[in-house]
Amino acid sequence: MIGLVALLISLLLPPAALASHLDTPKCRRDLAMAGQLVDGIAMRENSVKPGDIAGLCRLLRKNLPEMITSRDAMDRCLTGHDHGENVGQMDASIDDIRYVLRTKCGGR
C-alpha cells in the first residue's frame, strides 16, 4: 500500500498540472514548495525495509505533515480538473497514512 502512495504522490505535480493554477506569486511559491515536499516524500519511500513496522511508522509520521502542507497548497492554488484530481489523490493518500498509523503504529 505504501508503494501505491509513493506512486500517487510522485505523479501529483507534473509540469502540465501547473497549467491550471492561480498565477500569483504566493501560489507559484506554495506549489514549488509542495513539489519539493512531494519529491522528498517520494525519495524517502524506499528507506524502510519490508517488515520494519517501527521504521514504517517513523516514515509515515514524518510524511504526514508534509503531505498535509502540500495538499493545502494544492487546494488553495490548483484549479479545475487538476484541483479535483490532485487534491483528491492527496486526500486518499493522507487517509491511507492515517489508517496505517492508527491500526499499525499505536494510534498515532
Protein backbone atom coordinates (compact mmCIF):
# COMPACT_ATOMS: atom_id res chain seq x y z
CA MET A 1 0.00 0.00 0.00
CA ILE A 2 2.77 2.45 0.85
CA GLY A 3 4.33 1.90 -2.60
CA LEU A 4 0.99 2.93 -4.11
CA VAL A 5 1.05 6.11 -2.01
CA ALA A 6 4.51 6.91 -3.38
CA LEU A 7 3.35 6.32 -6.93
CA LEU A 8 0.38 8.62 -6.48
CA ILE A 9 2.31 11.44 -4.91
CA SER A 10 5.15 11.20 -7.41
CA LEU A 11 2.63 11.94 -10.15
CA LEU A 12 0.97 14.90 -8.45
CA LEU A 13 2.83 17.87 -9.79
CA PRO A 14 3.92 17.20 -13.36
CA PRO A 15 4.64 20.38 -15.34
CA ALA A 16 1.34 20.08 -17.20
CA ALA A 17 -0.58 20.15 -13.91
CA LEU A 18 0.81 23.57 -13.13
CA ALA A 19 -1.02 24.97 -16.16
CA SER A 20 -4.26 25.04 -14.14
CA HIS A 21 -3.27 27.08 -11.15
CA LEU A 22 -3.74 30.54 -9.78
CA ASP A 23 -0.92 32.60 -11.21
CA THR A 24 0.05 34.60 -8.16
CA PRO A 25 3.46 34.92 -6.53
CA LYS A 26 2.14 33.15 -3.42
CA CYS A 27 0.72 30.23 -5.39
CA ARG A 28 3.85 29.87 -7.51
CA ARG A 29 5.90 29.77 -4.31
CA ASP A 30 3.48 27.45 -2.48
CA LEU A 31 3.22 25.00 -5.40
CA ALA A 32 7.00 24.93 -5.78
CA MET A 33 7.29 24.17 -2.06
CA ALA A 34 4.60 21.47 -2.38
CA GLY A 35 6.54 19.92 -5.25
CA GLN A 36 9.72 19.85 -3.16
CA LEU A 37 7.89 18.24 -0.24
CA VAL A 38 6.33 15.61 -2.51
CA ASP A 39 9.72 14.90 -4.08
CA GLY A 40 11.23 14.44 -0.60
CA ILE A 41 8.44 12.05 0.38
CA ALA A 42 8.98 10.02 -2.78
CA MET A 43 12.75 9.90 -2.19
CA ARG A 44 12.25 8.50 1.33
CA GLU A 45 9.76 5.87 0.17
CA ASN A 46 12.27 3.03 -0.17
CA SER A 47 14.13 3.88 3.04
CA VAL A 48 12.21 1.30 5.09
CA LYS A 49 12.93 -2.40 4.78
CA PRO A 50 9.97 -4.76 4.32
CA GLY A 51 8.63 -5.86 7.69
CA ASP A 52 10.15 -2.91 9.60
CA ILE A 53 6.94 -1.65 11.19
CA ALA A 54 8.74 0.76 13.54
CA GLY A 55 10.61 2.26 10.58
CA LEU A 56 7.41 2.49 8.56
CA CYS A 57 5.66 4.27 11.42
CA ARG A 58 8.53 6.78 11.73
CA LEU A 59 8.44 7.38 7.98
CA LEU A 60 4.68 7.90 7.91
CA ARG A 61 4.81 10.26 10.90
CA LYS A 62 7.37 12.35 9.02
CA ASN A 63 5.50 12.21 5.71
CA LEU A 64 2.02 13.03 7.02
CA PRO A 65 2.53 16.71 7.93
CA GLU A 66 4.45 17.29 4.69
CA MET A 67 1.62 15.73 2.70
CA ILE A 68 -0.95 17.87 4.52
CA THR A 69 1.08 21.01 3.82
CA SER A 70 1.36 20.04 0.14
CA ARG A 71 -2.32 19.19 -0.08
CA ASP A 72 -3.30 22.53 1.43
CA ALA A 73 -1.15 24.43 -1.10
CA MET A 74 -2.75 22.48 -3.95
CA ASP A 75 -6.22 23.09 -2.56
CA ARG A 76 -5.59 26.84 -2.49
CA CYS A 77 -3.78 27.17 -5.79
CA LEU A 78 -4.83 24.49 -8.30
CA THR A 79 -7.97 24.97 -10.34
CA GLY A 80 -10.29 22.92 -12.49
CA HIS A 81 -9.63 19.26 -13.18
CA ASP A 82 -6.11 19.46 -11.75
CA HIS A 83 -7.55 20.64 -8.43
CA GLY A 84 -10.07 17.84 -8.15
CA GLU A 85 -7.67 15.12 -9.26
CA ASN A 86 -4.61 16.14 -7.26
CA VAL A 87 -6.38 17.17 -4.07
CA GLY A 88 -8.48 14.00 -4.24
CA GLN A 89 -5.36 11.85 -4.60
CA MET A 90 -3.70 13.64 -1.71
CA ASP A 91 -6.79 13.22 0.46
CA ALA A 92 -6.87 9.49 -0.29
CA SER A 93 -3.15 9.12 0.45
CA ILE A 94 -3.47 11.09 3.69
CA ASP A 95 -6.41 8.88 4.72
CA ASP A 96 -4.32 5.77 3.93
CA ILE A 97 -1.44 7.03 6.05
CA ARG A 98 -3.74 7.91 8.94
CA TYR A 99 -5.27 4.43 8.73
CA VAL A 100 -1.87 2.73 8.90
CA LEU A 101 -0.78 4.98 11.77
CA ARG A 102 -3.99 4.23 13.65
CA THR A 103 -4.02 0.48 13.07
CA LYS A 104 -0.30 -0.44 12.96
CA CYS A 105 1.52 2.33 14.80
CA GLY A 106 -0.23 2.67 18.13
CA GLY A 107 -2.86 5.16 17.05
CA ARG A 108 -0.55 7.96 16.01
